[in-house]
Amino acid sequence: MTADSVSYPHLPSELQLHSKSRVLTICFNDGACFHLPCEYLRVFSPAAAHIAGIPIVGKELVNITAIEPQGQYAVRLCFDDGDDTGIYAWETLYALGMQYEENWAQYLTQLKQCGYQRQEPAPGNKHLQLLYFSWLAKKMRKTAEEVIAPATVVDVNSLLTWLGQRRRGMTPLFQPGQLRVTVNKQFTEPFTRLQDGDEIGLVPMTPIEPQTPELI
């Protein structure tokens, strides 16, 4: 057992900000991995305003602009609303991940009690530019197309589900783990949020073409 593990039992093995989806991914040395929304991190900031029990509202679209190391024990998260007062120890981030469901439910209850109506971004149809590569372009008989995705398509995962249901024989082409997906030329995660006008690249992960019936 190292001195670091005695002082800090939960040390991060991965820390990655997904700016487009406004999510911070943090994985720890015990295998725990959390995907924490920026809004959640902002309203549960360790800063004094939150500790005093004052509900923080209006942060539905807040994002993180910088992550600054604070020695070996913490990071400072700087948000695009100007707040940079929160220093998040590794143990704090671990606890926020473990207690996410409970904390978020409690926060929503507090908002209701104080009469604040949280503003969820309203989903709508999206115009998307799809780019197909390798055997997928052959299967689709095209290298690109423009589509209008329904309101149910909100992220990469729901896009793949919708694409697999459009025509008979397409489902095997868009199975999880079959493709790597880029949004505006950046590789993404399944939970990456999509916006109107995005360019989506669909890149097969292997050169082996899946066996499917003829597309109709």
Foldseek 3Di string as FASTA:
>chain_A
DDPCCVVPVWAWPDWDADQQQQWIWTATPVGDIATHHVLLCVQCFPDPCVVVVPGDADCQPKHWDDWADDPRFWIFTAIPVGDGRGTAGSVNVVVCRVCVVVVVVVSVVVCVVVPHDHDDPQFAWAWEKEAEDAVRCVQVVHGIDIDTHGSQQFFQQVVLVVQQPPWAFSVVCSDPPQWFKDWQNHTDDRSRTDHHPIYMYTGGPDNDDDDTPRTD
